[in-house]
Amino acid sequence: MINLVSNKGFNENELIAFSEMIGYELPTDYIEFLRHRNGGYVNNSFSTYYKNEEQTFILTSMFGLGSDDDLLNLFKTYKNRIPDTCIPIGRDAGGNLVCLNLSEVNYGYIYFWDHEEELNYEERKIASNDLYFIADSFKEFLNSIETDNIKESEVEGYEVKKVWVDPDFLKELENNSDK
């Protein structure tokens, strides 16, 4: 289960304004999550998506309303980079996104968006079937999250050789470092 330090300050009016702004009704299980947790920072947790075979990713944050990782701001940032019918709801350690699909087909499905693959598509040409399946509901996604119990001794000898940071994610990091 998710190890989440919840955001404070949920506001029902922000939820209503967000739904109106995106033009979609949010799934009930996701609305309840926002009301009770309002996103937050995730510690030592991972999940999986399916790309040819099962792939693991480290979940670092879930977005909330009126928080550092504000849903509305992130929706605006990524709206031309992810499918029109999806909203970003979380992030992994590499700056990739967890997305919630709001179209009639596969409504409520959770997908993984790999930012390194976006260059394979012309602007606004990416569709939800170009993302990687995680779960068929937000509740199922939450239940799929596992706690990472890796001990430091298990990763000794590994080193990072190269890192690429998404430019929009870097801007967010720089803006948050000023706070």
C-alpha atoms as a PDB file:
ATOM      1  CA  MET A   1       0.000   0.000   0.000  1.00  0.00           C
ATOM      2  CA  ILE A   2       1.113   3.560  -0.671  1.00  0.00           C
ATOM      3  CA  ASN A   3       3.376   5.257   1.889  1.00  0.00           C
ATOM      4  CA  LEU A   4       2.106   8.830   1.456  1.00  0.00           C
ATOM      5  CA  VAL A   5       2.688  12.039   3.363  1.00  0.00           C
ATOM      6  CA  SER A   6      -0.607  13.757   2.525  1.00  0.00           C
ATOM      7  CA  ASN A   7      -1.045  17.360   1.450  1.00  0.00           C
ATOM      8  CA  LYS A   8      -3.176  19.592   3.613  1.00  0.00           C
ATOM      9  CA  GLY A   9      -5.741  22.170   2.642  1.00  0.00           C
ATOM     10  CA  PHE A  10      -8.184  20.384   0.345  1.00  0.00           C
ATOM     11  CA  ASN A  11     -10.864  22.766  -0.923  1.00  0.00           C
ATOM     12  CA  GLU A  12     -14.099  21.488  -2.509  1.00  0.00           C
ATOM     13  CA  ASN A  13     -14.404  24.656  -4.625  1.00  0.00           C
ATOM     14  CA  GLU A  14     -10.968  23.973  -6.165  1.00  0.00           C
ATOM     15  CA  LEU A  15     -12.160  20.471  -7.069  1.00  0.00           C
ATOM     16  CA  ILE A  16     -15.266  21.863  -8.777  1.00  0.00           C
ATOM     17  CA  ALA A  17     -13.227  24.505 -10.633  1.00  0.00           C
ATOM     18  CA  PHE A  18     -10.680  21.890 -11.731  1.00  0.00           C
ATOM     19  CA  SER A  19     -13.389  19.562 -13.102  1.00  0.00           C
ATOM     20  CA  GLU A  20     -14.967  22.456 -14.994  1.00  0.00           C
ATOM     21  CA  MET A  21     -11.588  23.549 -16.370  1.00  0.00           C
ATOM     22  CA  ILE A  22     -10.711  20.100 -17.744  1.00  0.00           C
ATOM     23  CA  GLY A  23     -14.247  19.433 -18.989  1.00  0.00           C
ATOM     24  CA  TYR A  24     -14.535  15.964 -17.456  1.00  0.00           C
ATOM     25  CA  GLU A  25     -16.063  14.444 -14.365  1.00  0.00           C
ATOM     26  CA  LEU A  26     -13.494  12.728 -12.170  1.00  0.00           C
ATOM     27  CA  PRO A  27     -14.021   9.118 -11.006  1.00  0.00           C
ATOM     28  CA  THR A  28     -15.495   8.751  -7.521  1.00  0.00           C
ATOM     29  CA  ASP A  29     -12.531   6.778  -6.137  1.00  0.00           C
ATOM     30  CA  TYR A  30     -10.129   9.524  -7.235  1.00  0.00           C
ATOM     31  CA  ILE A  31     -12.346  12.281  -5.791  1.00  0.00           C
ATOM     32  CA  GLU A  32     -12.399  10.455  -2.443  1.00  0.00           C
ATOM     33  CA  PHE A  33      -8.595  10.209  -2.519  1.00  0.00           C
ATOM     34  CA  LEU A  34      -8.336  13.956  -3.110  1.00  0.00           C
ATOM     35  CA  ARG A  35     -10.793  14.707  -0.294  1.00  0.00           C
ATOM     36  CA  HIS A  36      -8.972  12.498   2.216  1.00  0.00           C
ATOM     37  CA  ARG A  37      -5.327  12.812   1.133  1.00  0.00           C
ATOM     38  CA  ASN A  38      -5.159  15.601  -1.500  1.00  0.00           C
ATOM     39  CA  GLY A  39      -2.083  13.993  -3.022  1.00  0.00           C
ATOM     40  CA  GLY A  40       1.289  14.236  -1.350  1.00  0.00           C
ATOM     41  CA  TYR A  41       4.834  12.942  -1.317  1.00  0.00           C
ATOM     42  CA  VAL A  42       5.325   9.210  -1.644  1.00  0.00           C
ATOM     43  CA  ASN A  43       8.070   7.444   0.281  1.00  0.00           C
ATOM     44  CA  ASN A  44       9.630   4.085  -0.566  1.00  0.00           C
ATOM     45  CA  SER A  45       6.843   2.955  -2.877  1.00  0.00           C
ATOM     46  CA  PHE A  46       6.742   1.459  -6.334  1.00  0.00           C
ATOM     47  CA  SER A  47       4.258   0.146  -8.853  1.00  0.00           C
ATOM     48  CA  THR A  48       4.322  -1.532 -12.238  1.00  0.00           C
ATOM     49  CA  TYR A  49       3.170  -0.861 -15.774  1.00  0.00           C
ATOM     50  CA  TYR A  50       3.138  -3.076 -18.818  1.00  0.00           C
ATOM     51  CA  LYS A  51       5.465  -2.396 -21.745  1.00  0.00           C
ATOM     52  CA  ASN A  52       6.147  -5.693 -23.516  1.00  0.00           C
ATOM     53  CA  GLU A  53       6.492  -7.120 -20.023  1.00  0.00           C
ATOM     54  CA  GLU A  54       6.024  -5.857 -16.501  1.00  0.00           C
ATOM     55  CA  GLN A  55       8.160  -2.777 -15.710  1.00  0.00           C
ATOM     56  CA  THR A  56       8.677  -1.238 -12.270  1.00  0.00           C
ATOM     57  CA  PHE A  57       8.737   2.467 -11.449  1.00  0.00           C
ATOM     58  CA  ILE A  58       9.370   4.376  -8.218  1.00  0.00           C
ATOM     59  CA  LEU A  59       6.411   6.576  -7.323  1.00  0.00           C
ATOM     60  CA  THR A  60       7.523   9.878  -5.748  1.00  0.00           C
ATOM     61  CA  SER A  61       4.424  12.075  -5.630  1.00  0.00           C
ATOM     62  CA  MET A  62       0.691  12.199  -6.124  1.00  0.00           C
ATOM     63  CA  PHE A  63      -0.730  15.528  -7.229  1.00  0.00           C
ATOM     64  CA  GLY A  64      -3.305  17.460  -5.230  1.00  0.00           C
ATOM     65  CA  LEU A  65      -5.264  20.689  -5.413  1.00  0.00           C
ATOM     66  CA  GLY A  66      -3.673  23.890  -4.111  1.00  0.00           C
ATOM     67  CA  SER A  67      -0.472  22.016  -3.231  1.00  0.00           C
ATOM     68  CA  ASP A  68       3.158  22.184  -4.402  1.00  0.00           C
ATOM     69  CA  ASP A  69       2.288  19.619  -7.085  1.00  0.00           C
ATOM     70  CA  ASP A  70      -0.979  21.340  -8.008  1.00  0.00           C
ATOM     71  CA  LEU A  71      -3.229  19.382 -10.378  1.00  0.00           C
ATOM     72  CA  LEU A  72      -4.356  22.478 -12.242  1.00  0.00           C
ATOM     73  CA  ASN A  73      -0.818  23.773 -12.869  1.00  0.00           C
ATOM     74  CA  LEU A  74       0.415  20.339 -13.922  1.00  0.00           C
ATOM     75  CA  PHE A  75      -2.588  19.864 -16.206  1.00  0.00           C
ATOM     76  CA  LYS A  76      -1.685  23.144 -17.929  1.00  0.00           C
ATOM     77  CA  THR A  77       1.994  22.175 -18.137  1.00  0.00           C
ATOM     78  CA  TYR A  78       1.376  18.778 -19.730  1.00  0.00           C
ATOM     79  CA  LYS A  79      -1.892  19.275 -21.647  1.00  0.00           C
ATOM     80  CA  ASN A  80      -0.133  19.459 -25.024  1.00  0.00           C
ATOM     81  CA  ARG A  81       2.179  16.563 -24.212  1.00  0.00           C
ATOM     82  CA  ILE A  82      -0.178  13.839 -22.981  1.00  0.00           C
ATOM     83  CA  PRO A  83      -3.463  12.654 -24.534  1.00  0.00           C
ATOM     84  CA  ASP A  84      -6.363  15.144 -24.438  1.00  0.00           C
ATOM     85  CA  THR A  85      -8.458  12.723 -22.410  1.00  0.00           C
ATOM     86  CA  CYS A  86      -5.879  12.225 -19.655  1.00  0.00           C
ATOM     87  CA  ILE A  87      -4.771  14.234 -16.639  1.00  0.00           C
ATOM     88  CA  PRO A  88      -1.478  13.808 -14.792  1.00  0.00           C
ATOM     89  CA  ILE A  89      -2.066  12.565 -11.232  1.00  0.00           C
ATOM     90  CA  GLY A  90       1.401  11.446 -10.110  1.00  0.00           C
ATOM     91  CA  ARG A  91       5.103  11.332 -10.903  1.00  0.00           C
ATOM     92  CA  ASP A  92       7.869   8.782 -10.767  1.00  0.00           C
ATOM     93  CA  ALA A  93      11.507   9.299  -9.813  1.00  0.00           C
ATOM     94  CA  GLY A  94      12.486   9.967 -13.445  1.00  0.00           C
ATOM     95  CA  GLY A  95       9.899  12.687 -14.109  1.00  0.00           C
ATOM     96  CA  ASN A  96       7.486  10.361 -15.946  1.00  0.00           C
ATOM     97  CA  LEU A  97       3.787  10.683 -15.178  1.00  0.00           C
ATOM     98  CA  VAL A  98       0.978   8.556 -13.875  1.00  0.00           C
ATOM     99  CA  CYS A  99      -2.121   9.578 -15.860  1.00  0.00           C
ATOM    100  CA  LEU A 100      -5.840   9.144 -15.300  1.00  0.00           C
ATOM    101  CA  ASN A 101      -7.905   8.546 -18.446  1.00  0.00           C
ATOM    102  CA  LEU A 102     -11.246  10.385 -18.552  1.00  0.00           C
ATOM    103  CA  SER A 103     -12.561   9.408 -21.988  1.00  0.00           C
ATOM    104  CA  GLU A 104     -15.646   7.184 -22.361  1.00  0.00           C
ATOM    105  CA  VAL A 105     -13.442   4.336 -23.577  1.00  0.00           C
ATOM    106  CA  ASN A 106     -11.457   2.991 -20.619  1.00  0.00           C
ATOM    107  CA  TYR A 107     -12.795   5.690 -18.275  1.00  0.00           C
ATOM    108  CA  GLY A 108     -10.850   5.731 -15.024  1.00  0.00           C
ATOM    109  CA  TYR A 109      -7.947   3.625 -16.313  1.00  0.00           C
ATOM    110  CA  ILE A 110      -4.504   4.531 -14.996  1.00  0.00           C
ATOM    111  CA  TYR A 111      -1.572   4.743 -17.409  1.00  0.00           C
ATOM    112  CA  PHE A 112       2.165   5.409 -17.329  1.00  0.00           C
ATOM    113  CA  TRP A 113       3.523   8.180 -19.589  1.00  0.00           C
ATOM    114  CA  ASP A 114       7.208   7.870 -20.466  1.00  0.00           C
ATOM    115  CA  HIS A 115       8.501  11.360 -21.290  1.00  0.00           C
ATOM    116  CA  GLU A 116      11.355   9.929 -23.322  1.00  0.00           C
ATOM    117  CA  GLU A 117       8.898   8.554 -25.866  1.00  0.00           C
ATOM    118  CA  GLU A 118       6.956  11.763 -26.465  1.00  0.00           C
ATOM    119  CA  LEU A 119       9.323  12.769 -29.253  1.00  0.00           C
ATOM    120  CA  ASN A 120       7.999   9.806 -31.241  1.00  0.00           C
ATOM    121  CA  TYR A 121       4.719  11.698 -31.718  1.00  0.00           C
ATOM    122  CA  GLU A 122       3.764  14.956 -33.365  1.00  0.00           C
ATOM    123  CA  GLU A 123       2.271  17.515 -31.002  1.00  0.00           C
ATOM    124  CA  ARG A 124      -1.247  16.479 -29.881  1.00  0.00           C
ATOM    125  CA  LYS A 125      -1.013  13.176 -31.812  1.00  0.00           C
ATOM    126  CA  ILE A 126      -0.404  10.944 -28.781  1.00  0.00           C
ATOM    127  CA  ALA A 127      -3.434   8.898 -27.663  1.00  0.00           C
ATOM    128  CA  SER A 128      -4.178   6.977 -24.484  1.00  0.00           C
ATOM    129  CA  ASN A 129      -3.359   3.712 -26.270  1.00  0.00           C
ATOM    130  CA  ASP A 130       0.193   5.077 -26.705  1.00  0.00           C
ATOM    131  CA  LEU A 131       0.592   5.052 -22.910  1.00  0.00           C
ATOM    132  CA  TYR A 132       1.349   1.995 -20.778  1.00  0.00           C
ATOM    133  CA  PHE A 133      -1.376   0.313 -18.766  1.00  0.00           C
ATOM    134  CA  ILE A 134      -1.113   0.288 -14.964  1.00  0.00           C
ATOM    135  CA  ALA A 135      -4.638  -0.409 -13.629  1.00  0.00           C
ATOM    136  CA  ASP A 136      -8.292  -0.221 -14.647  1.00  0.00           C
ATOM    137  CA  SER A 137      -9.263   2.067 -11.740  1.00  0.00           C
ATOM    138  CA  PHE A 138      -7.644   4.469  -9.311  1.00  0.00           C
ATOM    139  CA  LYS A 139      -8.492   2.189  -6.396  1.00  0.00           C
ATOM    140  CA  GLU A 140      -6.816  -0.750  -8.155  1.00  0.00           C
ATOM    141  CA  PHE A 141      -3.768   1.455  -8.791  1.00  0.00           C
ATOM    142  CA  LEU A 142      -3.529   2.341  -5.084  1.00  0.00           C
ATOM    143  CA  ASN A 143      -3.825  -1.333  -4.174  1.00  0.00           C
ATOM    144  CA  SER A 144      -1.034  -2.219  -6.623  1.00  0.00           C
ATOM    145  CA  ILE A 145       1.493   0.068  -4.948  1.00  0.00           C
ATOM    146  CA  GLU A 146       4.084  -1.773  -2.908  1.00  0.00           C
ATOM    147  CA  THR A 147       6.519  -0.629  -0.257  1.00  0.00           C
ATOM    148  CA  ASP A 148      10.164  -0.683  -1.271  1.00  0.00           C
ATOM    149  CA  ASN A 149      12.174  -2.541   1.349  1.00  0.00           C
ATOM    150  CA  ILE A 150      15.513  -2.522  -0.489  1.00  0.00           C
ATOM    151  CA  LYS A 151      18.419  -2.394   1.904  1.00  0.00           C
ATOM    152  CA  GLU A 152      21.387  -0.161   1.158  1.00  0.00           C
ATOM    153  CA  SER A 153      23.673  -3.206   1.000  1.00  0.00           C
ATOM    154  CA  GLU A 154      21.625  -4.567  -1.924  1.00  0.00           C
ATOM    155  CA  VAL A 155      22.499  -1.604  -4.162  1.00  0.00           C
ATOM    156  CA  GLU A 156      26.178  -1.185  -3.282  1.00  0.00           C
ATOM    157  CA  GLY A 157      28.397  -1.030  -6.335  1.00  0.00           C
ATOM    158  CA  TYR A 158      25.793   0.586  -8.580  1.00  0.00           C
ATOM    159  CA  GLU A 159      26.467   4.051  -9.915  1.00  0.00           C
ATOM    160  CA  VAL A 160      24.564   6.542 -12.014  1.00  0.00           C
ATOM    161  CA  LYS A 161      26.354   7.130 -15.309  1.00  0.00           C
ATOM    162  CA  LYS A 162      23.958   9.454 -17.096  1.00  0.00           C
ATOM    163  CA  VAL A 163      20.863  11.440 -16.136  1.00  0.00           C
ATOM    164  CA  TRP A 164      18.355  13.289 -18.308  1.00  0.00           C
ATOM    165  CA  VAL A 165      15.827  15.589 -16.656  1.00  0.00           C
ATOM    166  CA  ASP A 166      12.631  16.652 -18.384  1.00  0.00           C
ATOM    167  CA  PRO A 167      12.850  20.467 -18.899  1.00  0.00           C
ATOM    168  CA  ASP A 168       9.371  21.106 -17.429  1.00  0.00           C
ATOM    169  CA  PHE A 169      10.191  18.943 -14.412  1.00  0.00           C
ATOM    170  CA  LEU A 170      13.471  20.856 -13.967  1.00  0.00           C
ATOM    171  CA  LYS A 171      11.538  24.154 -13.953  1.00  0.00           C
ATOM    172  CA  GLU A 172       9.254  22.757 -11.248  1.00  0.00           C
ATOM    173  CA  LEU A 173      12.268  21.691  -9.181  1.00  0.00           C
ATOM    174  CA  GLU A 174      13.884  25.094  -9.563  1.00  0.00           C
ATOM    175  CA  ASN A 175      10.639  26.877  -8.621  1.00  0.00           C
ATOM    176  CA  ASN A 176      10.153  24.651  -5.568  1.00  0.00           C
ATOM    177  CA  SER A 177      13.747  25.207  -4.411  1.00  0.00           C
ATOM    178  CA  ASP A 178      12.948  28.918  -4.021  1.00  0.00           C
ATOM    179  CA  LYS A 179      10.274  28.150  -1.384  1.00  0.00           C
END
